[in-house]
C-alpha atoms as a PDB file:
ATOM      1  CA  MET A   1     -69.814 114.673 165.968  1.00  0.00           C
ATOM      2  CA  GLN A   2     -73.540 113.989 166.250  1.00  0.00           C
ATOM      3  CA  LYS A   3     -73.813 114.306 162.455  1.00  0.00           C
ATOM      4  CA  LEU A   4     -70.947 111.817 162.018  1.00  0.00           C
ATOM      5  CA  PHE A   5     -72.602 109.343 164.373  1.00  0.00           C
ATOM      6  CA  THR A   6     -75.924 109.715 162.528  1.00  0.00           C
ATOM      7  CA  ILE A   7     -74.251 109.039 159.163  1.00  0.00           C
ATOM      8  CA  ILE A   8     -72.497 105.946 160.541  1.00  0.00           C
ATOM      9  CA  CYS A   9     -75.731 104.612 162.041  1.00  0.00           C
ATOM     10  CA  ILE A  10     -77.556 105.108 158.728  1.00  0.00           C
ATOM     11  CA  GLU A  11     -74.823 103.209 156.884  1.00  0.00           C
ATOM     12  CA  VAL A  12     -74.891 100.447 159.492  1.00  0.00           C
ATOM     13  CA  ASN A  13     -78.660 100.146 159.226  1.00  0.00           C
ATOM     14  CA  ILE A  14     -78.274  98.898 155.651  1.00  0.00           C
ATOM     15  CA  PHE A  15     -75.497  96.520 156.699  1.00  0.00           C
ATOM     16  CA  TYR A  16     -76.729  93.391 158.460  1.00  0.00           C
ATOM     17  CA  VAL A  17     -74.389  90.949 160.158  1.00  0.00           C
ATOM     18  CA  THR A  18     -75.654  87.695 158.691  1.00  0.00           C
ATOM     19  CA  ILE A  19     -73.998  84.364 159.414  1.00  0.00           C
ATOM     20  CA  LYS A  20     -72.173  84.564 156.080  1.00  0.00           C
ATOM     21  CA  ILE A  21     -70.878  88.081 156.776  1.00  0.00           C
ATOM     22  CA  LYS A  22     -69.929  87.131 160.345  1.00  0.00           C
ATOM     23  CA  ASN A  23     -67.860  84.191 159.073  1.00  0.00           C
ATOM     24  CA  ARG A  24     -66.134  86.404 156.518  1.00  0.00           C
ATOM     25  CA  LEU A  25     -65.331  89.002 159.176  1.00  0.00           C
ATOM     26  CA  VAL A  26     -63.934  86.323 161.484  1.00  0.00           C
ATOM     27  CA  PHE A  27     -61.801  85.007 158.620  1.00  0.00           C
ATOM     28  CA  LEU A  28     -60.567  88.560 157.954  1.00  0.00           C
ATOM     29  CA  LEU A  29     -59.656  88.986 161.636  1.00  0.00           C
ATOM     30  CA  ILE A  30     -57.763  85.678 161.532  1.00  0.00           C
ATOM     31  CA  PHE A  31     -55.758  86.960 158.563  1.00  0.00           C
ATOM     32  CA  ILE A  32     -55.050  90.314 160.298  1.00  0.00           C
ATOM     33  CA  SER A  33     -53.926  88.630 163.531  1.00  0.00           C
ATOM     34  CA  MET A  34     -51.643  86.257 161.604  1.00  0.00           C
ATOM     35  CA  ALA A  35     -50.157  89.193 159.661  1.00  0.00           C
ATOM     36  CA  LEU A  36     -49.534  91.152 162.882  1.00  0.00           C
ATOM     37  CA  ILE A  37     -47.875  88.158 164.566  1.00  0.00           C
ATOM     38  CA  ILE A  38     -45.582  87.370 161.619  1.00  0.00           C
ATOM     39  CA  THR A  39     -44.655  91.021 161.032  1.00  0.00           C
ATOM     40  CA  GLY A  40     -44.111  91.696 164.738  1.00  0.00           C
ATOM     41  CA  LEU A  41     -41.953  88.616 165.284  1.00  0.00           C
ATOM     42  CA  LEU A  42     -39.934  89.273 162.124  1.00  0.00           C
ATOM     43  CA  ILE A  43     -39.162  92.902 163.011  1.00  0.00           C
ATOM     44  CA  SER A  44     -38.513  91.957 166.659  1.00  0.00           C
ATOM     45  CA  GLY A  45     -36.027  89.301 165.614  1.00  0.00           C
ATOM     46  CA  ILE A  46     -34.192  91.640 163.247  1.00  0.00           C
ATOM     47  CA  PHE A  47     -34.030  94.478 165.777  1.00  0.00           C
ATOM     48  CA  PHE A  48     -33.014  92.140 168.617  1.00  0.00           C
ATOM     49  CA  PHE A  49     -30.102  90.535 166.784  1.00  0.00           C
ATOM     50  CA  THR A  50     -28.928  93.881 165.386  1.00  0.00           C
ATOM     51  CA  GLY A  51     -29.159  95.530 168.815  1.00  0.00           C
ATOM     52  CA  HIS A  52     -31.716  98.140 167.771  1.00  0.00           C
ATOM     53  CA  LEU A  53     -34.492  97.099 170.166  1.00  0.00           C
ATOM     54  CA  ALA A  54     -34.719 100.158 172.429  1.00  0.00           C
ATOM     55  CA  GLU A  55     -35.471  99.870 176.137  1.00  0.00           C
ATOM     56  CA  PRO A  56     -37.159 102.586 178.261  1.00  0.00           C
ATOM     57  CA  THR A  57     -34.776 105.259 179.515  1.00  0.00           C
ATOM     58  CA  SER A  58     -36.392 105.329 182.961  1.00  0.00           C
ATOM     59  CA  LEU A  59     -37.422 102.198 184.821  1.00  0.00           C
ATOM     60  CA  PRO A  60     -40.553 102.101 187.005  1.00  0.00           C
ATOM     61  CA  VAL A  61     -40.480 101.453 190.743  1.00  0.00           C
ATOM     62  CA  LEU A  62     -42.924  98.621 191.385  1.00  0.00           C
ATOM     63  CA  PRO A  63     -44.392  97.339 194.673  1.00  0.00           C
ATOM     64  CA  LEU A  64     -42.613  94.239 196.019  1.00  0.00           C
ATOM     65  CA  GLN A  65     -39.972  94.553 193.298  1.00  0.00           C
ATOM     66  CA  SER A  66     -37.406  92.880 195.551  1.00  0.00           C
ATOM     67  CA  PHE A  67     -39.115  89.625 194.544  1.00  0.00           C
ATOM     68  CA  PHE A  68     -38.169  88.331 191.100  1.00  0.00           C
ATOM     69  CA  ILE A  69     -41.753  87.723 189.965  1.00  0.00           C
ATOM     70  CA  PHE A  70     -42.758  91.326 190.773  1.00  0.00           C
ATOM     71  CA  ARG A  71     -39.601  92.935 189.365  1.00  0.00           C
ATOM     72  CA  TYR A  72     -39.758  94.967 186.153  1.00  0.00           C
ATOM     73  CA  HIS A  73     -38.582  93.072 183.093  1.00  0.00           C
ATOM     74  CA  PHE A  74     -38.375  94.717 179.691  1.00  0.00           C
ATOM     75  CA  PHE A  75     -39.607  91.625 177.868  1.00  0.00           C
ATOM     76  CA  CYS A  76     -42.842  91.416 179.931  1.00  0.00           C
ATOM     77  CA  PRO A  77     -44.815  94.263 178.297  1.00  0.00           C
ATOM     78  CA  PHE A  78     -43.200  93.247 175.014  1.00  0.00           C
ATOM     79  CA  ALA A  79     -44.250  89.599 175.421  1.00  0.00           C
ATOM     80  CA  SER A  80     -47.771  90.502 176.602  1.00  0.00           C
ATOM     81  CA  ILE A  81     -48.498  92.058 173.193  1.00  0.00           C
ATOM     82  CA  PHE A  82     -47.628  88.817 171.414  1.00  0.00           C
ATOM     83  CA  VAL A  83     -49.581  86.811 173.990  1.00  0.00           C
ATOM     84  CA  LEU A  84     -52.681  88.865 173.119  1.00  0.00           C
ATOM     85  CA  LEU A  85     -52.078  88.544 169.365  1.00  0.00           C
ATOM     86  CA  ILE A  86     -51.491  84.774 169.490  1.00  0.00           C
ATOM     87  CA  TYR A  87     -54.449  84.390 171.854  1.00  0.00           C
ATOM     88  CA  THR A  88     -56.745  86.232 169.429  1.00  0.00           C
ATOM     89  CA  PHE A  89     -55.453  84.226 166.462  1.00  0.00           C
ATOM     90  CA  VAL A  90     -56.036  80.836 168.125  1.00  0.00           C
ATOM     91  CA  THR A  91     -59.398  81.817 169.634  1.00  0.00           C
ATOM     92  CA  LEU A  92     -60.670  83.207 166.329  1.00  0.00           C
ATOM     93  CA  ILE A  93     -59.878  79.881 164.634  1.00  0.00           C
ATOM     94  CA  ILE A  94     -61.815  78.064 167.367  1.00  0.00           C
ATOM     95  CA  VAL A  95     -64.724  80.499 167.024  1.00  0.00           C
ATOM     96  CA  ASN A  96     -64.730  80.051 163.254  1.00  0.00           C
ATOM     97  CA  ILE A  97     -64.996  76.274 163.666  1.00  0.00           C
ATOM     98  CA  GLU A  98     -67.412  76.051 166.594  1.00  0.00           C
ATOM     99  CA  PHE A  99     -69.780  78.874 165.622  1.00  0.00           C
ATOM    100  CA  GLU A 100     -69.616  78.688 161.830  1.00  0.00           C
ATOM    101  CA  LYS A 101     -73.366  78.048 161.500  1.00  0.00           C
ATOM    102  CA  THR A 102     -74.473  80.001 164.569  1.00  0.00           C
ATOM    103  CA  GLN A 103     -75.775  83.564 164.694  1.00  0.00           C
ATOM    104  CA  SER A 104     -74.619  84.750 168.110  1.00  0.00           C
ATOM    105  CA  SER A 105     -74.500  88.334 169.370  1.00  0.00           C
ATOM    106  CA  GLU A 106     -71.966  87.285 172.005  1.00  0.00           C
ATOM    107  CA  ILE A 107     -69.558  86.034 169.334  1.00  0.00           C
ATOM    108  CA  ILE A 108     -69.924  89.262 167.360  1.00  0.00           C
ATOM    109  CA  PHE A 109     -69.038  91.310 170.460  1.00  0.00           C
ATOM    110  CA  LEU A 110     -66.194  88.885 171.197  1.00  0.00           C
ATOM    111  CA  ALA A 111     -64.872  89.517 167.673  1.00  0.00           C
ATOM    112  CA  LEU A 112     -64.999  93.255 168.422  1.00  0.00           C
ATOM    113  CA  PHE A 113     -63.011  92.567 171.591  1.00  0.00           C
ATOM    114  CA  PHE A 114     -60.371  90.793 169.498  1.00  0.00           C
ATOM    115  CA  THR A 115     -60.314  93.767 167.120  1.00  0.00           C
ATOM    116  CA  GLY A 116     -59.549  96.020 170.088  1.00  0.00           C
ATOM    117  CA  CYS A 117     -56.718  93.683 171.090  1.00  0.00           C
ATOM    118  CA  PHE A 118     -55.089  94.263 167.688  1.00  0.00           C
ATOM    119  CA  PHE A 119     -54.541  97.918 168.616  1.00  0.00           C
ATOM    120  CA  GLU A 120     -52.114  96.802 171.354  1.00  0.00           C
ATOM    121  CA  ALA A 121     -49.627  96.116 168.541  1.00  0.00           C
ATOM    122  CA  ALA A 122     -49.155  99.908 168.309  1.00  0.00           C
ATOM    123  CA  ARG A 123     -47.133  99.663 171.533  1.00  0.00           C
ATOM    124  CA  LEU A 124     -44.408  97.857 169.594  1.00  0.00           C
ATOM    125  CA  SER A 125     -43.523 101.135 167.890  1.00  0.00           C
ATOM    126  CA  PHE A 126     -41.879 102.400 171.107  1.00  0.00           C
ATOM    127  CA  PRO A 127     -39.137  99.725 171.325  1.00  0.00           C
ATOM    128  CA  PHE A 128     -38.935  99.385 167.521  1.00  0.00           C
ATOM    129  CA  PHE A 129     -38.421 103.080 166.767  1.00  0.00           C
ATOM    130  CA  ASN A 130     -37.117 104.268 170.147  1.00  0.00           C
ATOM    131  CA  LEU A 131     -40.026 106.583 170.934  1.00  0.00           C
ATOM    132  CA  TRP A 132     -39.448 106.480 174.703  1.00  0.00           C
ATOM    133  CA  ASP A 133     -38.270 110.103 174.860  1.00  0.00           C
ATOM    134  CA  SER A 134     -40.202 111.302 171.842  1.00  0.00           C
ATOM    135  CA  LYS A 135     -43.185 113.635 171.666  1.00  0.00           C
ATOM    136  CA  GLU A 136     -43.508 113.265 167.930  1.00  0.00           C
ATOM    137  CA  THR A 137     -46.707 112.522 166.061  1.00  0.00           C
ATOM    138  CA  ALA A 138     -45.816 108.818 165.824  1.00  0.00           C
ATOM    139  CA  SER A 139     -45.695 108.311 169.601  1.00  0.00           C
ATOM    140  CA  ILE A 140     -48.907 110.302 170.131  1.00  0.00           C
ATOM    141  CA  LEU A 141     -50.680 108.370 167.368  1.00  0.00           C
ATOM    142  CA  ALA A 142     -49.518 105.031 168.788  1.00  0.00           C
ATOM    143  CA  SER A 143     -50.780 105.982 172.262  1.00  0.00           C
ATOM    144  CA  ARG A 144     -54.155 107.077 170.911  1.00  0.00           C
ATOM    145  CA  LEU A 145     -54.501 103.831 168.943  1.00  0.00           C
ATOM    146  CA  VAL A 146     -53.831 101.880 172.139  1.00  0.00           C
ATOM    147  CA  LEU A 147     -56.458 103.929 173.976  1.00  0.00           C
ATOM    148  CA  ALA A 148     -58.994 103.364 171.164  1.00  0.00           C
ATOM    149  CA  GLY A 149     -58.393  99.615 171.373  1.00  0.00           C
ATOM    150  CA  ARG A 150     -58.888  99.553 175.135  1.00  0.00           C
ATOM    151  CA  VAL A 151     -62.137 101.487 174.906  1.00  0.00           C
ATOM    152  CA  ILE A 152     -63.364  99.092 172.192  1.00  0.00           C
ATOM    153  CA  CYS A 153     -62.404  96.047 174.284  1.00  0.00           C
ATOM    154  CA  THR A 154     -64.048  97.369 177.433  1.00  0.00           C
ATOM    155  CA  ALA A 155     -67.216  98.433 175.619  1.00  0.00           C
ATOM    156  CA  SER A 156     -67.414  95.099 173.777  1.00  0.00           C
ATOM    157  CA  ILE A 157     -67.340  93.154 177.042  1.00  0.00           C
ATOM    158  CA  LEU A 158     -70.019  95.419 178.526  1.00  0.00           C
ATOM    159  CA  PHE A 159     -72.265  95.179 175.458  1.00  0.00           C
ATOM    160  CA  SER A 160     -71.803  91.414 175.341  1.00  0.00           C
ATOM    161  CA  ALA A 161     -73.280  91.170 178.828  1.00  0.00           C
ATOM    162  CA  ALA A 162     -75.916  93.893 178.492  1.00  0.00           C
ATOM    163  CA  TYR A 163     -77.156  93.480 174.904  1.00  0.00           C
ATOM    164  CA  SER A 164     -76.693  89.834 173.959  1.00  0.00           C
ATOM    165  CA  GLY A 165     -80.304  88.773 174.568  1.00  0.00           C
ATOM    166  CA  THR A 166     -82.528  87.800 171.661  1.00  0.00           C
ATOM    167  CA  GLU A 167     -84.590  90.976 172.098  1.00  0.00           C
ATOM    168  CA  TYR A 168     -81.466  93.061 171.311  1.00  0.00           C
ATOM    169  CA  ARG A 169     -80.304  91.076 168.273  1.00  0.00           C
ATOM    170  CA  GLN A 170     -81.902  93.544 165.856  1.00  0.00           C
ATOM    171  CA  TYR A 171     -79.711  96.302 167.325  1.00  0.00           C
ATOM    172  CA  VAL A 172     -76.368  94.511 166.911  1.00  0.00           C
ATOM    173  CA  GLU A 173     -75.293  96.656 163.952  1.00  0.00           C
ATOM    174  CA  GLN A 174     -76.113  99.910 165.783  1.00  0.00           C
ATOM    175  CA  ASN A 175     -74.220  98.682 168.851  1.00  0.00           C
ATOM    176  CA  ILE A 176     -71.179  97.922 166.691  1.00  0.00           C
ATOM    177  CA  ALA A 177     -71.287 101.509 165.411  1.00  0.00           C
ATOM    178  CA  ILE A 178     -71.628 102.878 168.963  1.00  0.00           C
ATOM    179  CA  ILE A 179     -68.607 100.884 170.159  1.00  0.00           C
ATOM    180  CA  PHE A 180     -66.346 102.032 167.315  1.00  0.00           C
ATOM    181  CA  VAL A 181     -67.477 105.672 167.475  1.00  0.00           C
ATOM    182  CA  LEU A 182     -66.996 105.664 171.259  1.00  0.00           C
ATOM    183  CA  GLY A 183     -63.483 104.269 170.903  1.00  0.00           C
ATOM    184  CA  LEU A 184     -62.449 106.736 168.203  1.00  0.00           C
ATOM    185  CA  VAL A 185     -63.958 109.783 169.922  1.00  0.00           C
ATOM    186  CA  ILE A 186     -62.408 109.053 173.335  1.00  0.00           C
ATOM    187  CA  ALA A 187     -59.030 108.202 171.776  1.00  0.00           C
ATOM    188  CA  ASN A 188     -59.062 111.406 169.731  1.00  0.00           C
ATOM    189  CA  PHE A 189     -60.080 113.844 172.461  1.00  0.00           C
ATOM    190  CA  TYR A 190     -58.887 112.300 175.721  1.00  0.00           C
ATOM    191  CA  PRO A 191     -55.825 114.134 177.136  1.00  0.00           C
ATOM    192  CA  LEU A 192     -52.412 112.482 177.214  1.00  0.00           C
ATOM    193  CA  ASN A 193     -49.534 113.227 179.566  1.00  0.00           C
ATOM    194  CA  THR A 194     -46.820 113.522 176.914  1.00  0.00           C
ATOM    195  CA  SER A 195     -44.157 114.181 179.545  1.00  0.00           C
ATOM    196  CA  HIS A 196     -44.380 110.623 180.856  1.00  0.00           C
ATOM    197  CA  VAL A 197     -44.038 107.461 178.753  1.00  0.00           C
ATOM    198  CA  LEU A 198     -45.074 104.302 180.573  1.00  0.00           C
ATOM    199  CA  PRO A 199     -42.881 101.187 180.264  1.00  0.00           C
ATOM    200  CA  GLU A 200     -45.880  99.368 178.762  1.00  0.00           C
ATOM    201  CA  GLY A 201     -45.292 101.403 175.602  1.00  0.00           C
ATOM    202  CA  HIS A 202     -47.606 104.413 175.529  1.00  0.00           C
ATOM    203  CA  PHE A 203     -48.009 107.872 177.023  1.00  0.00           C
ATOM    204  CA  GLU A 204     -49.621 108.088 180.426  1.00  0.00           C
ATOM    205  CA  TRP A 205     -53.337 108.874 180.230  1.00  0.00           C
ATOM    206  CA  GLY A 206     -54.553 112.165 181.629  1.00  0.00           C
ATOM    207  CA  PHE A 207     -56.417 111.580 184.893  1.00  0.00           C
ATOM    208  CA  SER A 208     -55.069 108.030 184.676  1.00  0.00           C
ATOM    209  CA  ASN A 209     -56.573 106.827 187.967  1.00  0.00           C
ATOM    210  CA  LEU A 210     -60.019 108.007 186.863  1.00  0.00           C
ATOM    211  CA  LEU A 211     -59.740 106.199 183.521  1.00  0.00           C
ATOM    212  CA  ILE A 212     -58.363 102.972 185.007  1.00  0.00           C
ATOM    213  CA  ASN A 213     -60.969 102.867 187.782  1.00  0.00           C
ATOM    214  CA  ALA A 214     -63.749 103.574 185.261  1.00  0.00           C
ATOM    215  CA  GLN A 215     -62.566 100.598 183.203  1.00  0.00           C
ATOM    216  CA  ARG A 216     -62.530  98.356 186.284  1.00  0.00           C
ATOM    217  CA  ILE A 217     -66.053  99.424 187.240  1.00  0.00           C
ATOM    218  CA  ILE A 218     -67.358  98.795 183.697  1.00  0.00           C
ATOM    219  CA  LEU A 219     -65.798  95.314 183.551  1.00  0.00           C
ATOM    220  CA  LEU A 220     -67.196  94.463 186.978  1.00  0.00           C
ATOM    221  CA  LEU A 221     -70.587  95.800 185.890  1.00  0.00           C
ATOM    222  CA  ALA A 222     -70.457  93.487 182.861  1.00  0.00           C
ATOM    223  CA  PHE A 223     -69.986  90.522 185.198  1.00  0.00           C
ATOM    224  CA  PHE A 224     -73.039  91.423 187.295  1.00  0.00           C
ATOM    225  CA  LEU A 225     -75.147  92.154 184.210  1.00  0.00           C
ATOM    226  CA  GLN A 226     -74.271  88.736 182.825  1.00  0.00           C
ATOM    227  CA  LEU A 227     -75.206  87.125 186.138  1.00  0.00           C
ATOM    228  CA  ARG A 228     -78.535  88.940 186.092  1.00  0.00           C
ATOM    229  CA  LEU A 229     -79.333  87.790 182.539  1.00  0.00           C
ATOM    230  CA  ARG A 230     -80.623  84.366 183.618  1.00  0.00           C
ATOM    231  CA  LYS A 231     -80.745  84.277 187.406  1.00  0.00           C
ATOM    232  CA  GLY A 232     -79.956  80.949 188.993  1.00  0.00           C
ATOM    233  CA  ASP A 233     -78.970  79.307 185.707  1.00  0.00           C
ATOM    234  CA  LYS A 234     -75.771  77.317 186.285  1.00  0.00           C
ATOM    235  CA  THR A 235     -74.565  77.688 182.695  1.00  0.00           C
ATOM    236  CA  ASN A 236     -75.039  81.455 182.851  1.00  0.00           C
ATOM    237  CA  ILE A 237     -73.008  81.579 186.078  1.00  0.00           C
ATOM    238  CA  HIS A 238     -70.205  79.804 184.227  1.00  0.00           C
ATOM    239  CA  ILE A 239     -70.492  82.283 181.334  1.00  0.00           C
ATOM    240  CA  ALA A 240     -70.331  85.219 183.763  1.00  0.00           C
ATOM    241  CA  THR A 241     -67.314  83.666 185.500  1.00  0.00           C
ATOM    242  CA  GLY A 242     -65.597  83.155 182.149  1.00  0.00           C
ATOM    243  CA  LEU A 243     -66.289  86.781 181.225  1.00  0.00           C
ATOM    244  CA  LEU A 244     -64.845  87.942 184.552  1.00  0.00           C
ATOM    245  CA  LEU A 245     -61.679  85.859 184.132  1.00  0.00           C
ATOM    246  CA  LEU A 246     -61.323  87.080 180.546  1.00  0.00           C
ATOM    247  CA  SER A 247     -61.632  90.699 181.724  1.00  0.00           C
ATOM    248  CA  LEU A 248     -59.162  90.155 184.555  1.00  0.00           C
ATOM    249  CA  GLY A 249     -56.638  88.484 182.260  1.00  0.00           C
ATOM    250  CA  TYR A 250     -56.955  91.265 179.695  1.00  0.00           C
ATOM    251  CA  SER A 251     -56.451  93.927 182.392  1.00  0.00           C
ATOM    252  CA  PHE A 252     -53.333  92.134 183.639  1.00  0.00           C
ATOM    253  CA  LEU A 253     -51.805  91.724 180.183  1.00  0.00           C
ATOM    254  CA  VAL A 254     -52.268  95.324 179.002  1.00  0.00           C
ATOM    255  CA  SER A 255     -50.564  96.563 182.189  1.00  0.00           C
ATOM    256  CA  SER A 256     -47.957  93.800 182.301  1.00  0.00           C
ATOM    257  CA  THR A 257     -44.571  95.000 183.515  1.00  0.00           C
ATOM    258  CA  ASN A 258     -43.560  91.924 185.492  1.00  0.00           C
ATOM    259  CA  LEU A 259     -43.796  88.140 185.417  1.00  0.00           C
ATOM    260  CA  PHE A 260     -46.729  88.091 187.842  1.00  0.00           C
ATOM    261  CA  PHE A 261     -49.028  90.079 185.559  1.00  0.00           C
ATOM    262  CA  LEU A 262     -47.751  88.316 182.429  1.00  0.00           C
ATOM    263  CA  CYS A 263     -48.215  84.768 183.745  1.00  0.00           C
ATOM    264  CA  PHE A 264     -51.482  85.242 185.615  1.00  0.00           C
ATOM    265  CA  GLY A 265     -52.884  87.452 182.844  1.00  0.00           C
ATOM    266  CA  THR A 266     -52.218  84.690 180.323  1.00  0.00           C
ATOM    267  CA  VAL A 267     -53.759  82.011 182.556  1.00  0.00           C
ATOM    268  CA  PHE A 268     -56.857  84.105 183.321  1.00  0.00           C
ATOM    269  CA  ILE A 269     -57.598  85.239 179.763  1.00  0.00           C
ATOM    270  CA  VAL A 270     -57.104  81.742 178.298  1.00  0.00           C
ATOM    271  CA  SER A 271     -59.093  79.911 180.983  1.00  0.00           C
ATOM    272  CA  GLY A 272     -61.814  82.586 181.012  1.00  0.00           C
ATOM    273  CA  THR A 273     -62.211  82.536 177.223  1.00  0.00           C
ATOM    274  CA  HIS A 274     -62.273  78.732 177.182  1.00  0.00           C
ATOM    275  CA  LEU A 275     -65.024  78.650 179.822  1.00  0.00           C
ATOM    276  CA  TYR A 276     -66.977  81.448 178.112  1.00  0.00           C
ATOM    277  CA  ILE A 277     -66.870  79.902 174.625  1.00  0.00           C
ATOM    278  CA  LYS A 278     -67.507  76.369 175.881  1.00  0.00           C
ATOM    279  CA  LYS A 279     -70.664  77.331 177.758  1.00  0.00           C
ATOM    280  CA  LEU A 280     -71.882  79.559 174.924  1.00  0.00           C
ATOM    281  CA  HIS A 281     -71.423  76.670 172.518  1.00  0.00           C
ATOM    282  CA  ASN A 282     -73.436  74.396 174.824  1.00  0.00           C
ATOM    283  CA  ILE A 283     -76.315  76.904 174.882  1.00  0.00           C
ATOM    284  CA  TYR A 284     -76.462  77.379 171.110  1.00  0.00           C
ATOM    285  CA  LEU A 285     -75.926  73.686 170.425  1.00  0.00           C
ATOM    286  CA  TRP A 286     -78.892  72.928 172.694  1.00  0.00           C
ATOM    287  CA  ASN A 287     -81.024  75.633 171.090  1.00  0.00           C
ATOM    288  CA  ASP A 288     -80.175  74.450 167.587  1.00  0.00           C
END
């Protein structure tokens, strides 16, 4: 594994994320997100009208489920995937327009976050191919892809707060390699509880509470690191707040099983991203 990481870092060292390359990568991500949305909606429509869209065999018991907004609804985890895909598509177009001539480490890490969001599409394989009671390779692979995406998203948010300063710009390529290697290694070796499929559309993680709490701590740490970047600066406080709302919305959407998580997750991730990008644009516009 160390040898693999060394090889990747060497390859990355000769690959520099220039403005031109960044714009091409953003354009590629726009194309991928559009392809995922069209394909997902097309297959969903076909399976829905033909009655082949499979629901989970066992329904979860949720707190306060006597209230409609907290009750489990099959379409909520299903819809949250498309919310993330459409959100990434729209935001990438905005990023491509607003930061076309700007070299920003934050935008590069944000693009990595969007890449991690794409992996959530793997959850669609459970209702599409009825993998709810399956322990086949397809369901295991889909779950590991989801885990890889969540590690990439979490790490991207952390790195955006910790390594976005000008003094770290020369290490952007190495940090990209670290994020992807970290995501792939954890997804490949982390244990899965294959006896329990969650209604979100993946196997339960081994030591799930440990993993979920670790993610929460990392996202909260990113908020405080962003606050510490430029103490007392009002714009930086807004950026940190946007990053926190983005993280909260993402956490809600990937665990969405009811209307509460779906609605508030959408509001938080959209408002947080808007605030984050707006204030970043103000900083770089002023600097330029």
